[in-house]
Amino acid sequence: MTTSESLRAAEARARELYDEVKRRGLIVPGKTESGLSKEIMTLAAEMFGVTKYWHKRIVRSGVNTLLAYSANPDNLTLQPDDILFFDFGPVFTDWEADLGETFVLGTDATKLRLARDVAAAWNDGADYFRRHPDLTCADLYRHVCGLATQLGWEFGHYHAGHLVGRFPHEQTEGDADDRYIRADNPTPMRSLGVTGEPLRWILEIHFIDRARQIGGFQEALLREADEL
């Protein structure tokens, strides 16, 4: 398979994993974040034989949803009216997947709107990527930050995604910062990597509301129009 096909296949397995988590009803109040994370890890091994993750496994709930990947907050317990998100990076036969999704327990209208908005903003950002062949990382970062403002949220991180590829990550010819969709990265998103193939990117949307102390998160592989 090509790089694009391999990455799409890896993401499809990650989606199957999340669907099975929901089907089994694993996301319930009373579990700790770390406990749920371990359950998902066990399920990934059961379903796909996954034992390798290219980044730490994240389940964040409540006030922890304000925090970006690099933080290491206290281990919270899921509450009956909670908001939470997953950020897992399983490796399927040496290909990286990176899929994030937001879940809401209960019927809180603001939390439900936040979950809908991060999903809608991800779709908007992906469409913007497809419609602009000369797009740079800085261009896309500014676009998704603007979406956060339009929808009444704050963008929660200094970057909006990163390179993905065969484990370990695809590399650019530049420095480490070139691997991120950030405001100061002028790298054209359709540049070639060191392997000579086009770079492939994960788009991350992290919206937060500091007053309400909640956040929502969505990430997935950016696809070209002919890959949909």
Protein backbone atom coordinates (compact mmCIF):
# COMPACT_ATOMS: atom_id res chain seq x y z
CA MET A 1 0.00 0.00 0.00
CA THR A 2 1.02 3.62 -0.46
CA THR A 3 1.76 5.87 2.50
CA SER A 4 -1.66 7.49 2.15
CA GLU A 5 -3.43 4.14 2.06
CA SER A 6 -1.46 2.85 5.05
CA LEU A 7 -2.27 5.91 7.14
CA ARG A 8 -5.95 5.75 6.24
CA ALA A 9 -6.03 2.06 7.14
CA ALA A 10 -4.41 2.77 10.51
CA GLU A 11 -6.96 5.49 11.25
CA ALA A 12 -9.83 3.19 10.26
CA ARG A 13 -8.69 0.69 12.89
CA ALA A 14 -8.48 3.45 15.49
CA ARG A 15 -12.07 4.42 14.63
CA GLU A 16 -13.12 0.81 15.05
CA LEU A 17 -11.52 0.85 18.48
CA TYR A 18 -13.42 3.98 19.55
CA ASP A 19 -16.67 2.59 18.17
CA GLU A 20 -16.17 -0.56 20.23
CA VAL A 21 -15.44 1.51 23.36
CA LYS A 22 -18.83 3.20 22.86
CA ARG A 23 -20.60 -0.06 21.98
CA ARG A 24 -19.39 -1.69 25.20
CA GLY A 25 -20.49 1.31 27.26
CA LEU A 26 -17.06 1.86 28.79
CA ILE A 27 -17.45 5.64 29.16
CA VAL A 28 -19.36 5.92 32.42
CA PRO A 29 -19.17 8.04 35.58
CA GLY A 30 -17.12 6.71 38.47
CA LYS A 31 -14.08 5.59 36.46
CA THR A 32 -10.79 7.41 36.69
CA GLU A 33 -9.15 8.79 33.57
CA SER A 34 -6.26 6.38 33.96
CA GLY A 35 -8.62 3.46 34.56
CA LEU A 36 -10.53 4.15 31.35
CA SER A 37 -7.28 4.60 29.45
CA LYS A 38 -6.08 1.17 30.61
CA GLU A 39 -9.38 -0.39 29.56
CA ILE A 40 -9.02 1.09 26.08
CA MET A 41 -5.42 -0.09 25.86
CA THR A 42 -6.52 -3.63 26.81
CA LEU A 43 -9.28 -3.50 24.19
CA ALA A 44 -6.80 -2.34 21.51
CA ALA A 45 -4.58 -5.32 22.28
CA GLU A 46 -7.59 -7.65 22.19
CA MET A 47 -8.96 -6.32 18.89
CA PHE A 48 -5.78 -5.57 16.93
CA GLY A 49 -2.79 -6.83 18.91
CA VAL A 50 -1.67 -3.24 19.52
CA THR A 51 1.13 -2.99 22.05
CA LYS A 52 2.93 0.12 20.79
CA TYR A 53 1.84 3.76 21.04
CA TRP A 54 3.87 6.59 19.60
CA HIS A 55 2.72 9.05 22.28
CA LYS A 56 1.24 8.85 25.76
CA ARG A 57 -2.40 7.77 25.94
CA ILE A 58 -4.72 10.54 27.09
CA VAL A 59 -8.16 10.53 28.64
CA ARG A 60 -8.96 14.00 29.98
CA SER A 61 -12.16 14.99 31.79
CA GLY A 62 -13.58 18.02 33.58
CA VAL A 63 -11.07 20.81 34.21
CA ASN A 64 -8.32 18.68 32.65
CA THR A 65 -9.94 19.22 29.23
CA LEU A 66 -8.50 22.74 29.32
CA LEU A 67 -5.01 21.28 29.07
CA ALA A 68 -3.00 20.45 25.98
CA TYR A 69 -1.06 17.25 25.34
CA SER A 70 2.14 18.24 27.13
CA ALA A 71 0.48 18.68 30.55
CA ASN A 72 0.43 15.91 33.16
CA PRO A 73 -2.54 16.80 35.39
CA ASP A 74 -4.03 14.97 38.37
CA ASN A 75 -5.97 11.78 37.60
CA LEU A 76 -9.66 12.77 37.77
CA THR A 77 -12.77 10.63 38.17
CA LEU A 78 -15.49 10.91 35.52
CA GLN A 79 -18.58 12.70 36.82
CA PRO A 80 -22.26 12.14 35.86
CA ASP A 81 -22.48 15.38 33.83
CA ASP A 82 -18.89 15.43 32.55
CA ILE A 83 -17.11 16.28 29.33
CA LEU A 84 -14.05 14.30 28.31
CA PHE A 85 -11.85 13.57 25.35
CA PHE A 86 -9.50 10.84 24.12
CA ASP A 87 -6.15 11.31 22.41
CA PHE A 88 -4.54 7.98 21.58
CA GLY A 89 -1.66 7.25 19.19
CA PRO A 90 -1.70 3.51 18.45
CA VAL A 91 0.79 2.08 15.97
CA PHE A 92 -0.67 -0.46 13.54
CA THR A 93 2.05 -2.50 11.78
CA ASP A 94 4.47 0.44 11.96
CA TRP A 95 1.94 3.07 10.81
CA GLU A 96 0.84 5.81 13.18
CA ALA A 97 -2.76 6.65 13.89
CA ASP A 98 -3.75 9.74 15.87
CA LEU A 99 -7.43 10.13 16.55
CA GLY A 100 -9.09 12.36 19.13
CA GLU A 101 -12.76 12.69 20.01
CA THR A 102 -14.91 14.47 22.60
CA PHE A 103 -17.66 12.82 24.64
CA VAL A 104 -20.34 14.31 26.88
CA LEU A 105 -21.99 12.49 29.77
CA GLY A 106 -25.38 13.96 30.56
CA THR A 107 -27.31 16.75 28.89
CA ASP A 108 -25.45 19.98 29.67
CA ALA A 109 -26.21 22.23 26.70
CA THR A 110 -22.89 24.11 26.72
CA LYS A 111 -20.83 20.93 26.81
CA LEU A 112 -22.89 19.40 24.02
CA ARG A 113 -22.44 22.55 21.93
CA LEU A 114 -18.69 22.47 22.53
CA ALA A 115 -18.50 18.86 21.35
CA ARG A 116 -20.48 19.75 18.22
CA ASP A 117 -18.37 22.84 17.56
CA VAL A 118 -15.00 21.09 17.69
CA ALA A 119 -16.31 18.47 15.26
CA ALA A 120 -17.72 21.14 12.93
CA ALA A 121 -14.50 23.18 13.11
CA TRP A 122 -12.42 20.12 12.27
CA ASN A 123 -14.55 19.54 9.16
CA ASP A 124 -14.25 23.21 8.21
CA GLY A 125 -10.47 23.16 8.65
CA ALA A 126 -10.14 19.98 6.60
CA ASP A 127 -12.24 21.49 3.82
CA TYR A 128 -10.12 24.67 3.92
CA PHE A 129 -6.99 22.52 3.55
CA ARG A 130 -8.42 20.73 0.51
CA ARG A 131 -9.51 23.96 -1.19
CA HIS A 132 -6.14 25.72 -0.87
CA PRO A 133 -3.33 23.79 -2.58
CA ASP A 134 -0.65 26.32 -1.57
CA LEU A 135 -1.68 26.42 2.10
CA THR A 136 1.06 26.78 4.72
CA CYS A 137 0.97 25.52 8.28
CA ALA A 138 0.69 29.13 9.50
CA ASP A 139 -2.28 29.75 7.20
CA LEU A 140 -4.22 26.79 8.55
CA TYR A 141 -3.40 27.63 12.16
CA ARG A 142 -4.75 31.16 11.73
CA HIS A 143 -7.87 29.81 10.05
CA VAL A 144 -8.80 27.41 12.86
CA CYS A 145 -8.05 30.00 15.55
CA GLY A 146 -10.48 32.27 13.74
CA LEU A 147 -13.10 29.54 13.83
CA ALA A 148 -12.72 29.33 17.61
CA THR A 149 -13.41 33.05 17.94
CA GLN A 150 -16.38 32.92 15.56
CA LEU A 151 -17.95 30.12 17.58
CA GLY A 152 -17.39 31.79 20.95
CA TRP A 153 -14.44 29.74 22.22
CA GLU A 154 -10.70 30.17 22.69
CA PHE A 155 -8.21 28.05 20.76
CA GLY A 156 -6.45 25.98 23.37
CA HIS A 157 -2.94 25.31 22.07
CA TYR A 158 0.02 26.85 20.28
CA HIS A 159 -0.34 24.37 17.43
CA ALA A 160 -3.20 22.75 15.53
CA GLY A 161 -1.62 19.47 14.52
CA HIS A 162 1.53 17.79 13.27
CA LEU A 163 3.10 15.41 10.82
CA VAL A 164 2.19 11.74 10.86
CA GLY A 165 3.64 8.77 9.00
CA ARG A 166 5.51 5.53 9.40
CA PHE A 167 6.66 5.13 13.00
CA PRO A 168 8.59 7.15 14.02
CA HIS A 169 7.18 10.38 12.47
CA GLU A 170 7.91 11.51 8.96
CA GLN A 171 10.50 14.28 9.02
CA THR A 172 11.00 17.55 7.14
CA GLU A 173 14.34 18.91 6.02
CA GLY A 174 14.02 21.70 8.62
CA ASP A 175 14.00 21.75 12.41
CA ALA A 176 11.54 20.18 14.85
CA ASP A 177 9.15 23.15 14.77
CA ASP A 178 8.51 22.48 11.07
CA ARG A 179 6.58 19.38 12.11
CA TYR A 180 3.72 21.41 13.64
CA ILE A 181 0.77 23.42 12.30
CA ARG A 182 1.61 26.61 14.14
CA ALA A 183 1.50 30.37 13.60
CA ASP A 184 5.24 30.72 12.97
CA ASN A 185 5.65 27.79 10.56
CA PRO A 186 5.71 28.88 6.89
CA THR A 187 6.13 25.31 5.61
CA PRO A 188 3.79 24.55 2.67
CA MET A 189 1.64 21.67 3.83
CA ARG A 190 2.08 19.81 0.57
CA SER A 191 5.88 19.85 0.74
CA LEU A 192 7.83 16.65 0.22
CA GLY A 193 9.36 14.93 3.25
CA VAL A 194 12.82 13.40 3.50
CA THR A 195 11.49 10.20 1.89
CA GLY A 196 10.41 12.16 -1.19
CA GLU A 197 6.70 11.60 -0.55
CA PRO A 198 4.21 14.38 0.25
CA LEU A 199 3.95 15.25 3.93
CA ARG A 200 0.84 13.98 5.72
CA TRP A 201 -0.75 15.93 8.57
CA ILE A 202 -3.00 15.46 11.58
CA LEU A 203 -5.35 18.40 12.19
CA GLU A 204 -6.09 19.08 15.87
CA ILE A 205 -8.93 21.28 17.11
CA HIS A 206 -8.84 22.19 20.81
CA PHE A 207 -11.44 24.74 21.93
CA ILE A 208 -11.68 25.84 25.55
CA ASP A 209 -13.85 27.97 27.83
CA ARG A 210 -11.73 29.14 30.76
CA ALA A 211 -14.70 30.57 32.67
CA ARG A 212 -16.59 27.28 32.62
CA GLN A 213 -13.33 25.28 32.86
CA ILE A 214 -14.12 22.95 29.98
CA GLY A 215 -12.53 22.06 26.68
CA GLY A 216 -13.25 19.94 23.65
CA PHE A 217 -10.85 18.21 21.27
CA GLN A 218 -10.94 16.56 17.88
CA GLU A 219 -8.14 15.32 15.67
CA ALA A 220 -7.78 13.12 12.60
CA LEU A 221 -5.81 12.67 9.41
CA LEU A 222 -6.17 15.39 6.76
CA ARG A 223 -7.19 13.90 3.42
CA GLU A 224 -7.04 15.20 -0.12
CA ALA A 225 -10.27 15.40 -2.10
CA ASP A 226 -9.52 12.21 -4.01
CA GLU A 227 -9.09 10.29 -0.75
CA LEU A 228 -12.58 10.94 0.59
